[in-house]
Amino acid sequence: LYPDGSVGTCTVCHTRHKFSVAEARKPEACASCHLGPDHPDIEIYLESKHGQIFLTDGEDWEWESAPGTWQPGDYRAPTCAVCHMSGIGELETTHNVNDRLKWDLMHKKSVIRSGARGDGVKGDKLMRKVCINCHGDSHIDNTRQTLDSAVALYNTYWAEAVKMKKVLAEKGLLKKDPWKDGYQELMYYLWHHTGRRARQGSAMNGPDYAHWHGFFQMFQVMKDMQDIYNWRIKNNKIEDLSTVMSSGPL
């Protein structure tokens, strides 16, 4: 949503001069924004089984079908557009990429989407209607439960981080500038980088991003946050980083 009230920019996905539906359906259309350490969606997709199939034989798929007629058979595995935007089965084409989402996976705490962020209960039902075109109910249930479990685990980490921060704040053991405060900086990294990778990797079936780049690194970050917390509580002061760096781990 732009300041003048307009919504979206067509040329982000359908680039100028050609305005190709085929171009917008390919994962590369999403990759210019949805990449990098904080939300590596294109990397997660390419690691997933869907992405592996796309990389193997995607050049042979039918990309030019009219909107609403582009169905499994034209492609052997979904791209970003198939799951989030395309008409498939009984679903109509949409340009609102929130429509088929259940969880908010981007912010500090994951909650089922509501209000301006969409209707997560409805979104879950719509995404299941995408999956049913290629998968059975048991597979879909298992996949959705994996995401729900990952969200619950992430929220447990975040709740612990918030609890420790509250205690530090009450004792005056946080710096006013969070970017000069080791605890607060790590807390940001916990949700904005490792936590997003864990949640989005689970949502898109990217196991390396869900685990090694996600929950494993969340575990490491939490251990460092606990060390900082325990040192400050024990000594009732904020550590001098120059002293800490020269003396080793907290």
C-alpha atoms as a PDB file:
ATOM      1  CA  LEU A   1       0.000   0.000   0.000  1.00  0.00           C
ATOM      2  CA  TYR A   2       1.556   3.260  -1.158  1.00  0.00           C
ATOM      3  CA  PRO A   3       1.034   6.738   0.363  1.00  0.00           C
ATOM      4  CA  ASP A   4      -1.248   7.773  -2.511  1.00  0.00           C
ATOM      5  CA  GLY A   5      -3.580   4.859  -1.759  1.00  0.00           C
ATOM      6  CA  SER A   6      -2.550   2.683  -4.703  1.00  0.00           C
ATOM      7  CA  VAL A   7      -1.842  -0.979  -4.058  1.00  0.00           C
ATOM      8  CA  GLY A   8       1.095  -2.861  -5.559  1.00  0.00           C
ATOM      9  CA  THR A   9       3.217  -2.241  -8.609  1.00  0.00           C
ATOM     10  CA  CYS A  10       2.569  -4.534 -11.563  1.00  0.00           C
ATOM     11  CA  THR A  11       6.068  -4.110 -12.986  1.00  0.00           C
ATOM     12  CA  VAL A  12       7.693  -5.636  -9.913  1.00  0.00           C
ATOM     13  CA  CYS A  13       6.669  -9.070 -11.237  1.00  0.00           C
ATOM     14  CA  HIS A  14       5.583  -8.317 -14.819  1.00  0.00           C
ATOM     15  CA  THR A  15       8.607  -6.306 -15.901  1.00  0.00           C
ATOM     16  CA  ARG A  16       8.287  -3.429 -18.331  1.00  0.00           C
ATOM     17  CA  HIS A  17       7.948  -3.744 -22.107  1.00  0.00           C
ATOM     18  CA  LYS A  18       7.045  -7.438 -22.136  1.00  0.00           C
ATOM     19  CA  PHE A  19       4.552  -7.676 -19.221  1.00  0.00           C
ATOM     20  CA  SER A  20       4.795 -11.451 -19.302  1.00  0.00           C
ATOM     21  CA  VAL A  21       2.541 -13.756 -17.279  1.00  0.00           C
ATOM     22  CA  ALA A  22       5.165 -16.494 -17.702  1.00  0.00           C
ATOM     23  CA  GLU A  23       7.840 -14.282 -16.199  1.00  0.00           C
ATOM     24  CA  ALA A  24       5.676 -13.495 -13.169  1.00  0.00           C
ATOM     25  CA  ARG A  25       4.953 -17.184 -12.566  1.00  0.00           C
ATOM     26  CA  LYS A  26       8.602 -18.147 -12.202  1.00  0.00           C
ATOM     27  CA  PRO A  27      10.321 -18.074  -8.795  1.00  0.00           C
ATOM     28  CA  GLU A  28      12.873 -15.587 -10.068  1.00  0.00           C
ATOM     29  CA  ALA A  29      10.120 -12.953 -10.104  1.00  0.00           C
ATOM     30  CA  CYS A  30       9.965 -13.156  -6.314  1.00  0.00           C
ATOM     31  CA  ALA A  31      13.697 -13.501  -5.729  1.00  0.00           C
ATOM     32  CA  SER A  32      14.633  -9.837  -6.049  1.00  0.00           C
ATOM     33  CA  CYS A  33      12.870  -9.096  -2.732  1.00  0.00           C
ATOM     34  CA  HIS A  34      12.367 -12.388  -0.904  1.00  0.00           C
ATOM     35  CA  LEU A  35      15.980 -13.377  -0.278  1.00  0.00           C
ATOM     36  CA  GLY A  36      18.821 -12.876   2.149  1.00  0.00           C
ATOM     37  CA  PRO A  37      19.578 -13.636   5.794  1.00  0.00           C
ATOM     38  CA  ASP A  38      16.319 -12.384   7.293  1.00  0.00           C
ATOM     39  CA  HIS A  39      13.807 -14.013   4.927  1.00  0.00           C
ATOM     40  CA  PRO A  40      15.582 -16.311   2.434  1.00  0.00           C
ATOM     41  CA  ASP A  41      12.390 -17.465   0.730  1.00  0.00           C
ATOM     42  CA  ILE A  42      13.922 -18.088  -2.692  1.00  0.00           C
ATOM     43  CA  GLU A  43      16.749 -20.063  -1.112  1.00  0.00           C
ATOM     44  CA  ILE A  44      14.260 -22.046   0.982  1.00  0.00           C
ATOM     45  CA  TYR A  45      12.116 -22.753  -2.078  1.00  0.00           C
ATOM     46  CA  LEU A  46      15.056 -23.948  -4.169  1.00  0.00           C
ATOM     47  CA  GLU A  47      16.144 -26.258  -1.329  1.00  0.00           C
ATOM     48  CA  SER A  48      12.660 -27.732  -1.025  1.00  0.00           C
ATOM     49  CA  LYS A  49      11.503 -30.727  -3.053  1.00  0.00           C
ATOM     50  CA  HIS A  50       9.277 -28.415  -5.103  1.00  0.00           C
ATOM     51  CA  GLY A  51      12.279 -26.256  -5.914  1.00  0.00           C
ATOM     52  CA  GLN A  52      14.448 -29.239  -6.798  1.00  0.00           C
ATOM     53  CA  ILE A  53      11.848 -30.381  -9.326  1.00  0.00           C
ATOM     54  CA  PHE A  54      11.617 -26.861 -10.772  1.00  0.00           C
ATOM     55  CA  LEU A  55      15.401 -26.694 -11.176  1.00  0.00           C
ATOM     56  CA  THR A  56      15.444 -30.131 -12.801  1.00  0.00           C
ATOM     57  CA  ASP A  57      12.825 -29.725 -15.511  1.00  0.00           C
ATOM     58  CA  GLY A  58      11.080 -26.391 -15.076  1.00  0.00           C
ATOM     59  CA  GLU A  59      12.267 -25.114 -18.451  1.00  0.00           C
ATOM     60  CA  ASP A  60       9.975 -27.654 -20.104  1.00  0.00           C
ATOM     61  CA  TRP A  61       6.785 -26.600 -18.318  1.00  0.00           C
ATOM     62  CA  GLU A  62       3.897 -24.725 -19.881  1.00  0.00           C
ATOM     63  CA  TRP A  63       4.174 -21.158 -18.624  1.00  0.00           C
ATOM     64  CA  GLU A  64       1.824 -19.305 -20.995  1.00  0.00           C
ATOM     65  CA  SER A  65      -1.595 -20.705 -20.028  1.00  0.00           C
ATOM     66  CA  ALA A  66      -4.289 -18.105 -19.458  1.00  0.00           C
ATOM     67  CA  PRO A  67      -4.969 -17.012 -15.860  1.00  0.00           C
ATOM     68  CA  GLY A  68      -7.207 -19.517 -14.109  1.00  0.00           C
ATOM     69  CA  THR A  69      -6.294 -22.294 -16.551  1.00  0.00           C
ATOM     70  CA  TRP A  70      -2.690 -22.827 -15.393  1.00  0.00           C
ATOM     71  CA  GLN A  71      -3.072 -26.142 -13.578  1.00  0.00           C
ATOM     72  CA  PRO A  72      -0.973 -29.146 -12.443  1.00  0.00           C
ATOM     73  CA  GLY A  73       0.136 -30.866 -15.608  1.00  0.00           C
ATOM     74  CA  ASP A  74       1.317 -27.559 -17.021  1.00  0.00           C
ATOM     75  CA  TYR A  75       3.885 -27.821 -14.213  1.00  0.00           C
ATOM     76  CA  ARG A  76       5.125 -30.763 -12.142  1.00  0.00           C
ATOM     77  CA  ALA A  77       5.650 -28.810  -8.928  1.00  0.00           C
ATOM     78  CA  PRO A  78       4.328 -25.484  -7.677  1.00  0.00           C
ATOM     79  CA  THR A  79       6.221 -22.223  -7.828  1.00  0.00           C
ATOM     80  CA  CYS A  80       5.680 -19.302  -5.448  1.00  0.00           C
ATOM     81  CA  ALA A  81       2.880 -18.039  -7.702  1.00  0.00           C
ATOM     82  CA  VAL A  82       0.997 -21.353  -7.684  1.00  0.00           C
ATOM     83  CA  CYS A  83       0.670 -21.502  -3.905  1.00  0.00           C
ATOM     84  CA  HIS A  84       0.178 -17.835  -3.142  1.00  0.00           C
ATOM     85  CA  MET A  85      -1.537 -16.275  -6.165  1.00  0.00           C
ATOM     86  CA  SER A  86      -2.574 -18.504  -9.061  1.00  0.00           C
ATOM     87  CA  GLY A  87      -5.977 -19.927  -9.849  1.00  0.00           C
ATOM     88  CA  ILE A  88      -5.711 -23.649  -9.120  1.00  0.00           C
ATOM     89  CA  GLY A  89      -8.478 -26.193  -8.736  1.00  0.00           C
ATOM     90  CA  GLU A  90     -11.513 -24.338  -7.414  1.00  0.00           C
ATOM     91  CA  LEU A  91      -9.474 -21.281  -6.327  1.00  0.00           C
ATOM     92  CA  GLU A  92      -9.526 -18.028  -8.272  1.00  0.00           C
ATOM     93  CA  THR A  93      -6.403 -16.043  -9.105  1.00  0.00           C
ATOM     94  CA  THR A  94      -5.496 -13.433  -6.480  1.00  0.00           C
ATOM     95  CA  HIS A  95      -2.884 -10.707  -6.234  1.00  0.00           C
ATOM     96  CA  ASN A  96      -3.272 -10.522  -2.458  1.00  0.00           C
ATOM     97  CA  VAL A  97      -0.504 -12.800  -1.237  1.00  0.00           C
ATOM     98  CA  ASN A  98      -1.917 -12.758   2.313  1.00  0.00           C
ATOM     99  CA  ASP A  99      -5.093 -14.565   1.273  1.00  0.00           C
ATOM    100  CA  ARG A 100      -3.764 -18.103   1.695  1.00  0.00           C
ATOM    101  CA  LEU A 101      -1.601 -17.570   4.781  1.00  0.00           C
ATOM    102  CA  LYS A 102      -2.454 -18.799   8.273  1.00  0.00           C
ATOM    103  CA  TRP A 103       0.407 -17.489  10.412  1.00  0.00           C
ATOM    104  CA  ASP A 104       2.260 -14.218  10.640  1.00  0.00           C
ATOM    105  CA  LEU A 105       5.811 -15.523  10.295  1.00  0.00           C
ATOM    106  CA  MET A 106       7.537 -12.164   9.932  1.00  0.00           C
ATOM    107  CA  HIS A 107       7.118 -10.430  13.295  1.00  0.00           C
ATOM    108  CA  LYS A 108       8.363 -10.915  16.829  1.00  0.00           C
ATOM    109  CA  LYS A 109       5.610 -13.273  17.897  1.00  0.00           C
ATOM    110  CA  SER A 110       3.736 -15.502  15.482  1.00  0.00           C
ATOM    111  CA  VAL A 111      -0.035 -15.264  15.704  1.00  0.00           C
ATOM    112  CA  ILE A 112      -2.800 -16.367  13.389  1.00  0.00           C
ATOM    113  CA  ARG A 113      -3.356 -13.535  10.923  1.00  0.00           C
ATOM    114  CA  SER A 114      -6.239 -11.154  11.502  1.00  0.00           C
ATOM    115  CA  GLY A 115      -7.290  -7.634  10.634  1.00  0.00           C
ATOM    116  CA  ALA A 116      -5.108  -5.857   8.070  1.00  0.00           C
ATOM    117  CA  ARG A 117      -2.850  -8.915   7.863  1.00  0.00           C
ATOM    118  CA  GLY A 118      -5.650 -11.124   6.558  1.00  0.00           C
ATOM    119  CA  ASP A 119      -7.838 -13.904   7.894  1.00  0.00           C
ATOM    120  CA  GLY A 120      -5.540 -16.726   8.985  1.00  0.00           C
ATOM    121  CA  VAL A 121      -8.302 -19.231   9.660  1.00  0.00           C
ATOM    122  CA  LYS A 122      -9.645 -18.723   6.150  1.00  0.00           C
ATOM    123  CA  GLY A 123      -6.098 -18.622   4.791  1.00  0.00           C
ATOM    124  CA  ASP A 124      -5.346 -22.081   6.166  1.00  0.00           C
ATOM    125  CA  LYS A 125      -8.414 -23.482   4.416  1.00  0.00           C
ATOM    126  CA  LEU A 126      -7.455 -21.809   1.142  1.00  0.00           C
ATOM    127  CA  MET A 127      -3.874 -23.094   1.245  1.00  0.00           C
ATOM    128  CA  ARG A 128      -5.170 -26.609   1.872  1.00  0.00           C
ATOM    129  CA  LYS A 129      -7.245 -26.192  -1.307  1.00  0.00           C
ATOM    130  CA  VAL A 130      -3.993 -25.489  -3.144  1.00  0.00           C
ATOM    131  CA  CYS A 131      -2.255 -28.574  -1.761  1.00  0.00           C
ATOM    132  CA  ILE A 132      -5.172 -30.958  -2.420  1.00  0.00           C
ATOM    133  CA  ASN A 133      -4.606 -30.654  -6.164  1.00  0.00           C
ATOM    134  CA  CYS A 134      -1.434 -32.734  -5.809  1.00  0.00           C
ATOM    135  CA  HIS A 135      -1.422 -34.278  -2.311  1.00  0.00           C
ATOM    136  CA  GLY A 136      -3.668 -36.377  -0.081  1.00  0.00           C
ATOM    137  CA  ASP A 137      -5.265 -35.261   3.162  1.00  0.00           C
ATOM    138  CA  SER A 138      -2.825 -37.078   5.447  1.00  0.00           C
ATOM    139  CA  HIS A 139       0.202 -35.504   3.754  1.00  0.00           C
ATOM    140  CA  ILE A 140      -1.383 -32.052   3.958  1.00  0.00           C
ATOM    141  CA  ASP A 141      -2.303 -32.529   7.630  1.00  0.00           C
ATOM    142  CA  ASN A 142       1.248 -33.603   8.493  1.00  0.00           C
ATOM    143  CA  THR A 143       2.768 -30.683   6.631  1.00  0.00           C
ATOM    144  CA  ARG A 144       0.475 -28.117   8.257  1.00  0.00           C
ATOM    145  CA  GLN A 145       1.081 -29.659  11.689  1.00  0.00           C
ATOM    146  CA  THR A 146       4.827 -29.329  11.137  1.00  0.00           C
ATOM    147  CA  LEU A 147       4.343 -25.599  10.611  1.00  0.00           C
ATOM    148  CA  ASP A 148       2.075 -25.255  13.658  1.00  0.00           C
ATOM    149  CA  SER A 149       4.626 -27.084  15.817  1.00  0.00           C
ATOM    150  CA  ALA A 150       7.478 -24.940  14.528  1.00  0.00           C
ATOM    151  CA  VAL A 151       5.518 -21.785  15.342  1.00  0.00           C
ATOM    152  CA  ALA A 152       4.798 -23.048  18.861  1.00  0.00           C
ATOM    153  CA  LEU A 153       8.484 -23.837  19.422  1.00  0.00           C
ATOM    154  CA  TYR A 154       9.565 -20.439  18.101  1.00  0.00           C
ATOM    155  CA  ASN A 155       7.051 -18.652  20.346  1.00  0.00           C
ATOM    156  CA  THR A 156       8.479 -20.506  23.355  1.00  0.00           C
ATOM    157  CA  TYR A 157      11.934 -19.080  22.597  1.00  0.00           C
ATOM    158  CA  TRP A 158      10.528 -15.597  22.100  1.00  0.00           C
ATOM    159  CA  ALA A 159       8.530 -15.706  25.342  1.00  0.00           C
ATOM    160  CA  GLU A 160      11.691 -16.602  27.272  1.00  0.00           C
ATOM    161  CA  ALA A 161      13.599 -13.719  25.642  1.00  0.00           C
ATOM    162  CA  VAL A 162      10.817 -11.258  26.524  1.00  0.00           C
ATOM    163  CA  LYS A 163      10.688 -12.537  30.118  1.00  0.00           C
ATOM    164  CA  MET A 164      14.435 -12.000  30.627  1.00  0.00           C
ATOM    165  CA  LYS A 165      14.336  -8.564  29.013  1.00  0.00           C
ATOM    166  CA  LYS A 166      11.530  -7.478  31.329  1.00  0.00           C
ATOM    167  CA  VAL A 167      13.593  -8.426  34.385  1.00  0.00           C
ATOM    168  CA  LEU A 168      16.645  -6.595  33.047  1.00  0.00           C
ATOM    169  CA  ALA A 169      14.548  -3.508  32.322  1.00  0.00           C
ATOM    170  CA  GLU A 170      13.061  -3.506  35.827  1.00  0.00           C
ATOM    171  CA  LYS A 171      16.573  -3.615  37.301  1.00  0.00           C
ATOM    172  CA  GLY A 172      17.917  -0.896  34.993  1.00  0.00           C
ATOM    173  CA  LEU A 173      20.231  -3.356  33.268  1.00  0.00           C
ATOM    174  CA  LEU A 174      19.507  -2.400  29.662  1.00  0.00           C
ATOM    175  CA  LYS A 175      21.256   0.292  27.664  1.00  0.00           C
ATOM    176  CA  LYS A 176      19.112   3.054  26.194  1.00  0.00           C
ATOM    177  CA  ASP A 177      20.614   2.429  22.755  1.00  0.00           C
ATOM    178  CA  PRO A 178      19.623  -1.165  21.859  1.00  0.00           C
ATOM    179  CA  TRP A 179      22.290  -1.301  19.137  1.00  0.00           C
ATOM    180  CA  LYS A 180      24.978  -0.847  21.776  1.00  0.00           C
ATOM    181  CA  ASP A 181      23.433  -3.439  24.066  1.00  0.00           C
ATOM    182  CA  GLY A 182      24.482  -7.046  23.514  1.00  0.00           C
ATOM    183  CA  TYR A 183      21.284  -8.533  24.917  1.00  0.00           C
ATOM    184  CA  GLN A 184      18.922  -6.376  22.874  1.00  0.00           C
ATOM    185  CA  GLU A 185      20.943  -6.815  19.700  1.00  0.00           C
ATOM    186  CA  LEU A 186      20.848 -10.594  20.066  1.00  0.00           C
ATOM    187  CA  MET A 187      17.127 -10.435  20.807  1.00  0.00           C
ATOM    188  CA  TYR A 188      16.608  -8.682  17.479  1.00  0.00           C
ATOM    189  CA  TYR A 189      18.683 -11.338  15.711  1.00  0.00           C
ATOM    190  CA  LEU A 190      16.644 -14.061  17.457  1.00  0.00           C
ATOM    191  CA  TRP A 191      13.366 -13.067  15.784  1.00  0.00           C
ATOM    192  CA  HIS A 192      14.380 -11.082  12.719  1.00  0.00           C
ATOM    193  CA  HIS A 193      16.958 -13.501  11.337  1.00  0.00           C
ATOM    194  CA  THR A 194      17.156 -16.962  12.929  1.00  0.00           C
ATOM    195  CA  GLY A 195      13.491 -16.996  13.959  1.00  0.00           C
ATOM    196  CA  ARG A 196      12.220 -16.028  10.538  1.00  0.00           C
ATOM    197  CA  ARG A 197      14.392 -18.651   8.876  1.00  0.00           C
ATOM    198  CA  ALA A 198      13.137 -21.331  11.277  1.00  0.00           C
ATOM    199  CA  ARG A 199       9.482 -20.473  10.752  1.00  0.00           C
ATOM    200  CA  GLN A 200       9.581 -19.867   7.006  1.00  0.00           C
ATOM    201  CA  GLY A 201      11.821 -22.864   6.413  1.00  0.00           C
ATOM    202  CA  SER A 202       9.225 -25.008   8.191  1.00  0.00           C
ATOM    203  CA  ALA A 203       6.390 -23.468   6.185  1.00  0.00           C
ATOM    204  CA  MET A 204       8.051 -24.139   2.815  1.00  0.00           C
ATOM    205  CA  ASN A 205       9.668 -27.516   3.583  1.00  0.00           C
ATOM    206  CA  GLY A 206      13.243 -26.274   3.539  1.00  0.00           C
ATOM    207  CA  PRO A 207      14.848 -28.505   6.212  1.00  0.00           C
ATOM    208  CA  ASP A 208      18.291 -26.892   6.238  1.00  0.00           C
ATOM    209  CA  TYR A 209      16.810 -23.435   6.794  1.00  0.00           C
ATOM    210  CA  ALA A 210      14.321 -24.708   9.352  1.00  0.00           C
ATOM    211  CA  HIS A 211      17.029 -26.466  11.368  1.00  0.00           C
ATOM    212  CA  TRP A 212      20.663 -25.415  10.851  1.00  0.00           C
ATOM    213  CA  HIS A 213      20.019 -21.822   9.764  1.00  0.00           C
ATOM    214  CA  GLY A 214      16.915 -21.613  11.958  1.00  0.00           C
ATOM    215  CA  PHE A 215      16.288 -23.417  15.228  1.00  0.00           C
ATOM    216  CA  PHE A 216      19.894 -24.505  15.769  1.00  0.00           C
ATOM    217  CA  GLN A 217      21.073 -20.914  15.490  1.00  0.00           C
ATOM    218  CA  MET A 218      18.160 -19.758  17.661  1.00  0.00           C
ATOM    219  CA  PHE A 219      19.430 -22.172  20.305  1.00  0.00           C
ATOM    220  CA  GLN A 220      22.938 -20.692  20.047  1.00  0.00           C
ATOM    221  CA  VAL A 221      21.649 -17.118  20.235  1.00  0.00           C
ATOM    222  CA  MET A 222      19.497 -17.942  23.262  1.00  0.00           C
ATOM    223  CA  LYS A 223      22.495 -19.435  25.072  1.00  0.00           C
ATOM    224  CA  ASP A 224      24.440 -16.194  24.540  1.00  0.00           C
ATOM    225  CA  MET A 225      21.457 -14.142  25.730  1.00  0.00           C
ATOM    226  CA  GLN A 226      21.188 -16.287  28.856  1.00  0.00           C
ATOM    227  CA  ASP A 227      24.894 -15.746  29.584  1.00  0.00           C
ATOM    228  CA  ILE A 228      24.495 -11.979  29.326  1.00  0.00           C
ATOM    229  CA  TYR A 229      21.354 -12.070  31.454  1.00  0.00           C
ATOM    230  CA  ASN A 230      22.952 -14.203  34.174  1.00  0.00           C
ATOM    231  CA  TRP A 231      26.096 -12.022  34.312  1.00  0.00           C
ATOM    232  CA  ARG A 232      24.089  -8.819  34.676  1.00  0.00           C
ATOM    233  CA  ILE A 233      21.810 -10.273  37.337  1.00  0.00           C
ATOM    234  CA  LYS A 234      24.767 -11.661  39.306  1.00  0.00           C
ATOM    235  CA  ASN A 235      26.844  -8.468  39.110  1.00  0.00           C
ATOM    236  CA  ASN A 236      23.947  -5.961  39.057  1.00  0.00           C
ATOM    237  CA  LYS A 237      25.568  -3.989  36.262  1.00  0.00           C
ATOM    238  CA  ILE A 238      25.954  -3.948  32.496  1.00  0.00           C
ATOM    239  CA  GLU A 239      29.139  -5.574  31.283  1.00  0.00           C
ATOM    240  CA  ASP A 240      31.957  -3.425  29.896  1.00  0.00           C
ATOM    241  CA  LEU A 241      32.353  -4.872  26.409  1.00  0.00           C
ATOM    242  CA  SER A 242      36.015  -3.886  26.143  1.00  0.00           C
ATOM    243  CA  THR A 243      36.733  -5.845  29.327  1.00  0.00           C
ATOM    244  CA  VAL A 244      34.546  -8.775  28.305  1.00  0.00           C
ATOM    245  CA  MET A 245      36.178  -9.065  24.882  1.00  0.00           C
ATOM    246  CA  SER A 246      39.629  -9.252  26.424  1.00  0.00           C
ATOM    247  CA  SER A 247      38.681 -11.709  29.181  1.00  0.00           C
ATOM    248  CA  GLY A 248      36.779 -14.271  27.114  1.00  0.00           C
ATOM    249  CA  PRO A 249      33.165 -15.548  27.235  1.00  0.00           C
ATOM    250  CA  LEU A 250      30.815 -14.214  29.899  1.00  0.00           C
END
